[in-house]
């Protein structure tokens, strides 16, 4: 049950725009720094770290894509991994 709830939370968070979230980061940082023993303060802490988690996820995602592109770019274009040129194939309808 907890896993399902977390999965649903993650799905909803993934639908949010990083730029919009980043605009709220300062708001929640300030609330987090002004400690008070309340539910609102606890929510602010969670939201601050959720926003940072989305930013970190996007950074890792972009770095992974870049690394993949660099790795694929090292192989000669139009050639198989074994270095041979693949046969010309024509699509017939």
N, C-alpha and C. Protein backbone atom coordinates (compact mmCIF):
# COMPACT_ATOMS: atom_id res chain seq x y z
N UNK A 1 0.82 -1.19 0.00
CA UNK A 1 0.00 0.00 0.00
C UNK A 1 0.86 1.26 0.00
N UNK A 2 1.91 1.27 0.80
CA UNK A 2 2.79 2.44 0.85
C UNK A 2 3.52 2.60 -0.48
N UNK A 3 3.95 1.46 -1.06
CA UNK A 3 4.65 1.54 -2.35
C UNK A 3 3.74 2.11 -3.43
N UNK A 4 2.48 1.69 -3.43
CA UNK A 4 1.54 2.20 -4.42
C UNK A 4 1.33 3.70 -4.25
N UNK A 5 1.21 4.14 -3.01
CA UNK A 5 1.03 5.57 -2.73
C UNK A 5 2.25 6.36 -3.19
N UNK A 6 3.45 5.85 -2.91
CA UNK A 6 4.66 6.54 -3.34
C UNK A 6 4.77 6.57 -4.86
N UNK A 7 4.38 5.48 -5.50
CA UNK A 7 4.42 5.43 -6.96
C UNK A 7 3.48 6.48 -7.56
N UNK A 8 2.30 6.61 -6.98
CA UNK A 8 1.35 7.62 -7.45
C UNK A 8 1.87 9.03 -7.22
N UNK A 9 2.51 9.26 -6.09
CA UNK A 9 3.11 10.58 -5.81
C UNK A 9 4.18 10.88 -6.84
N UNK A 10 5.04 9.89 -7.13
CA UNK A 10 6.11 10.09 -8.12
C UNK A 10 5.53 10.40 -9.49
N UNK A 11 4.47 9.69 -9.89
CA UNK A 11 3.84 9.96 -11.18
C UNK A 11 3.33 11.40 -11.26
N UNK A 12 2.72 11.86 -10.20
CA UNK A 12 2.19 13.23 -10.19
C UNK A 12 3.31 14.25 -10.23
N UNK A 13 4.39 13.99 -9.51
CA UNK A 13 5.53 14.91 -9.49
C UNK A 13 6.19 14.97 -10.86
N UNK A 14 6.29 13.83 -11.55
CA UNK A 14 6.90 13.81 -12.87
C UNK A 14 6.12 14.63 -13.90
N UNK A 15 4.86 14.87 -13.64
CA UNK A 15 4.04 15.67 -14.56
C UNK A 15 4.28 17.18 -14.38
N UNK A 16 4.98 17.56 -13.31
CA UNK A 16 5.20 18.98 -13.03
C UNK A 16 6.41 19.50 -13.80
N UNK A 17 6.38 20.75 -14.15
CA UNK A 17 7.43 21.41 -14.90
C UNK A 17 8.54 21.88 -13.97
N UNK A 18 9.80 21.54 -14.30
CA UNK A 18 10.92 21.92 -13.44
C UNK A 18 11.03 23.43 -13.30
N UNK A 19 10.80 24.17 -14.36
CA UNK A 19 10.92 25.63 -14.29
C UNK A 19 9.92 26.22 -13.31
N UNK A 20 8.70 25.70 -13.33
CA UNK A 20 7.68 26.19 -12.38
C UNK A 20 8.07 25.82 -10.96
N UNK A 21 8.57 24.60 -10.78
CA UNK A 21 8.99 24.16 -9.44
C UNK A 21 10.16 25.00 -8.93
N UNK A 22 11.11 25.28 -9.81
CA UNK A 22 12.29 26.05 -9.39
C UNK A 22 11.90 27.44 -8.93
N UNK A 23 10.83 27.98 -9.50
CA UNK A 23 10.34 29.28 -9.06
C UNK A 23 9.83 29.27 -7.63
N UNK A 24 9.47 28.09 -7.14
CA UNK A 24 8.96 27.96 -5.77
C UNK A 24 10.05 27.59 -4.76
N UNK A 25 11.23 27.27 -5.26
CA UNK A 25 12.30 26.78 -4.39
C UNK A 25 12.65 27.77 -3.29
N UNK A 26 12.78 29.03 -3.63
CA UNK A 26 13.15 30.05 -2.64
C UNK A 26 12.06 30.20 -1.57
N UNK A 27 10.82 30.14 -1.99
CA UNK A 27 9.70 30.25 -1.05
C UNK A 27 9.79 29.15 0.02
N UNK A 28 10.01 27.92 -0.42
CA UNK A 28 10.06 26.81 0.53
C UNK A 28 11.36 26.79 1.32
N UNK A 29 12.43 27.31 0.72
CA UNK A 29 13.69 27.41 1.47
C UNK A 29 13.53 28.36 2.65
N UNK A 30 12.91 29.51 2.40
CA UNK A 30 12.69 30.48 3.47
C UNK A 30 11.78 29.93 4.56
N UNK A 31 10.73 29.24 4.16
CA UNK A 31 9.83 28.64 5.15
C UNK A 31 10.55 27.57 5.96
N UNK A 32 11.39 26.80 5.29
CA UNK A 32 12.13 25.73 5.96
C UNK A 32 13.11 26.31 6.98
N UNK A 33 13.75 27.40 6.62
CA UNK A 33 14.74 28.02 7.51
C UNK A 33 14.09 28.68 8.72
N UNK A 34 12.82 29.06 8.61
CA UNK A 34 12.11 29.68 9.73
C UNK A 34 11.40 28.57 10.51
N UNK A 35 12.17 27.82 11.27
CA UNK A 35 11.61 26.66 11.98
C UNK A 35 10.47 27.03 12.91
N UNK A 36 9.46 26.21 12.85
CA UNK A 36 8.37 26.25 13.82
C UNK A 36 7.80 24.84 13.87
N UNK A 37 7.44 24.36 15.04
CA UNK A 37 6.92 22.99 15.15
C UNK A 37 5.48 22.90 14.65
N UNK A 38 5.33 22.84 13.32
CA UNK A 38 3.98 22.80 12.74
C UNK A 38 3.98 21.91 11.50
N UNK A 39 2.79 21.51 11.09
CA UNK A 39 2.64 20.71 9.87
C UNK A 39 3.06 21.51 8.65
N UNK A 40 2.78 22.81 8.64
CA UNK A 40 3.17 23.65 7.50
C UNK A 40 4.68 23.67 7.34
N UNK A 41 5.41 23.75 8.44
CA UNK A 41 6.87 23.74 8.36
C UNK A 41 7.34 22.39 7.82
N UNK A 42 6.75 21.30 8.31
CA UNK A 42 7.12 19.96 7.84
C UNK A 42 6.86 19.82 6.34
N UNK A 43 5.73 20.30 5.87
CA UNK A 43 5.40 20.26 4.44
C UNK A 43 6.42 21.07 3.64
N UNK A 44 6.82 22.22 4.16
CA UNK A 44 7.79 23.06 3.47
C UNK A 44 9.12 22.33 3.28
N UNK A 45 9.54 21.61 4.30
CA UNK A 45 10.79 20.85 4.21
C UNK A 45 10.66 19.77 3.13
N UNK A 46 9.57 19.03 3.16
CA UNK A 46 9.34 17.97 2.17
C UNK A 46 9.31 18.56 0.76
N UNK A 47 8.58 19.65 0.58
CA UNK A 47 8.46 20.27 -0.75
C UNK A 47 9.79 20.82 -1.25
N UNK A 48 10.58 21.39 -0.35
CA UNK A 48 11.90 21.89 -0.74
C UNK A 48 12.75 20.75 -1.31
N UNK A 49 12.73 19.62 -0.63
CA UNK A 49 13.54 18.50 -1.09
C UNK A 49 12.94 17.79 -2.31
N UNK A 50 11.63 17.81 -2.45
CA UNK A 50 11.00 17.26 -3.66
C UNK A 50 11.43 18.07 -4.88
N UNK A 51 11.38 19.40 -4.75
CA UNK A 51 11.80 20.26 -5.86
C UNK A 51 13.26 19.99 -6.21
N UNK A 52 14.11 19.89 -5.20
CA UNK A 52 15.52 19.59 -5.46
C UNK A 52 15.70 18.20 -6.06
N UNK A 53 14.85 17.25 -5.67
CA UNK A 53 14.93 15.90 -6.23
C UNK A 53 14.60 15.92 -7.72
N UNK A 54 13.60 16.69 -8.11
CA UNK A 54 13.25 16.81 -9.53
C UNK A 54 14.41 17.44 -10.31
N UNK A 55 15.01 18.46 -9.73
CA UNK A 55 16.16 19.11 -10.39
C UNK A 55 17.33 18.14 -10.53
N UNK A 56 17.59 17.37 -9.48
CA UNK A 56 18.69 16.39 -9.52
C UNK A 56 18.39 15.30 -10.54
N UNK A 57 17.14 14.83 -10.58
CA UNK A 57 16.74 13.81 -11.55
C UNK A 57 16.96 14.31 -12.98
N UNK A 58 16.56 15.54 -13.25
CA UNK A 58 16.73 16.10 -14.59
C UNK A 58 18.21 16.26 -14.94
N UNK A 59 19.02 16.64 -13.97
CA UNK A 59 20.46 16.76 -14.20
C UNK A 59 21.06 15.40 -14.55
N UNK A 60 20.71 14.37 -13.78
CA UNK A 60 21.22 13.02 -14.06
C UNK A 60 20.72 12.51 -15.40
N UNK A 61 19.47 12.78 -15.72
CA UNK A 61 18.89 12.36 -16.99
C UNK A 61 19.63 13.00 -18.16
N UNK A 62 19.84 14.31 -18.08
CA UNK A 62 20.55 15.02 -19.16
C UNK A 62 21.99 14.55 -19.29
N UNK A 63 22.65 14.32 -18.15
CA UNK A 63 24.03 13.83 -18.19
C UNK A 63 24.08 12.43 -18.82
N UNK A 64 23.09 11.60 -18.51
CA UNK A 64 23.04 10.26 -19.09
C UNK A 64 22.82 10.31 -20.59
N UNK A 65 21.94 11.19 -21.05
CA UNK A 65 21.72 11.35 -22.49
C UNK A 65 22.98 11.83 -23.19
N UNK A 66 23.65 12.80 -22.59
CA UNK A 66 24.87 13.33 -23.18
C UNK A 66 25.94 12.25 -23.28
N UNK A 67 26.09 11.47 -22.22
CA UNK A 67 27.08 10.39 -22.22
C UNK A 67 26.74 9.36 -23.29
N UNK A 68 25.47 9.03 -23.42
CA UNK A 68 25.04 8.07 -24.44
C UNK A 68 25.34 8.60 -25.84
N UNK A 69 25.05 9.88 -26.07
CA UNK A 69 25.32 10.47 -27.39
C UNK A 69 26.81 10.47 -27.70
N UNK A 70 27.63 10.77 -26.69
CA UNK A 70 29.08 10.77 -26.90
C UNK A 70 29.58 9.37 -27.21
N UNK A 71 29.04 8.37 -26.52
CA UNK A 71 29.45 7.00 -26.74
C UNK A 71 29.03 6.53 -28.12
N UNK A 72 27.81 6.85 -28.51
CA UNK A 72 27.32 6.45 -29.83
C UNK A 72 28.04 7.22 -30.94
N UNK A 73 28.46 8.43 -30.65
CA UNK A 73 29.16 9.25 -31.64
C UNK A 73 30.56 8.74 -31.95
N UNK A 74 31.14 7.96 -31.07
CA UNK A 74 32.49 7.42 -31.29
C UNK A 74 32.49 6.33 -32.35
N UNK A 75 31.35 5.65 -32.51
CA UNK A 75 31.25 4.64 -33.55
C UNK A 75 31.08 5.35 -34.89
N UNK A 76 31.66 4.81 -35.92
CA UNK A 76 31.56 5.41 -37.24
C UNK A 76 30.11 5.35 -37.71
N UNK A 77 29.57 6.48 -38.18
CA UNK A 77 28.18 6.46 -38.63
C UNK A 77 28.02 5.61 -39.88
N UNK A 78 26.91 4.86 -39.95
CA UNK A 78 26.64 4.03 -41.12
C UNK A 78 27.37 2.71 -41.11
N UNK A 79 28.01 2.37 -40.01
CA UNK A 79 28.73 1.10 -39.94
C UNK A 79 28.23 0.28 -38.76
N UNK A 80 28.30 -1.01 -38.91
CA UNK A 80 27.97 -1.91 -37.83
C UNK A 80 29.06 -1.82 -36.77
N UNK A 81 28.78 -2.30 -35.55
CA UNK A 81 29.81 -2.28 -34.50
C UNK A 81 31.09 -3.02 -34.89
N UNK A 82 30.98 -4.00 -35.82
CA UNK A 82 32.18 -4.74 -36.23
C UNK A 82 32.96 -4.00 -37.30
N UNK A 83 32.50 -2.80 -37.71
CA UNK A 83 33.25 -1.97 -38.64
C UNK A 83 32.86 -2.14 -40.09
N UNK A 84 31.96 -3.07 -40.39
CA UNK A 84 31.54 -3.29 -41.77
C UNK A 84 30.35 -2.41 -42.11
N UNK A 85 30.27 -1.98 -43.36
CA UNK A 85 29.14 -1.20 -43.81
C UNK A 85 27.95 -2.12 -44.00
N UNK A 86 26.80 -1.76 -43.43
CA UNK A 86 25.63 -2.63 -43.59
C UNK A 86 25.13 -2.60 -45.04
N UNK A 87 24.45 -3.67 -45.46
CA UNK A 87 23.96 -3.69 -46.83
C UNK A 87 22.87 -2.64 -47.04
N UNK A 88 22.76 -2.14 -48.25
CA UNK A 88 21.72 -1.16 -48.56
C UNK A 88 20.39 -1.88 -48.62
N UNK A 89 19.44 -1.39 -47.86
CA UNK A 89 18.11 -1.99 -47.85
C UNK A 89 17.10 -0.97 -48.34
N UNK A 90 16.21 -1.41 -49.17
CA UNK A 90 15.19 -0.54 -49.71
C UNK A 90 13.82 -1.05 -49.28
N UNK A 91 12.99 -0.13 -48.81
CA UNK A 91 11.66 -0.49 -48.36
C UNK A 91 10.75 -0.64 -49.56
N UNK A 92 10.07 -1.77 -49.64
CA UNK A 92 9.17 -2.05 -50.75
C UNK A 92 7.76 -2.14 -50.19
N UNK A 93 6.87 -1.41 -50.82
CA UNK A 93 5.47 -1.43 -50.35
C UNK A 93 4.64 -2.34 -51.21
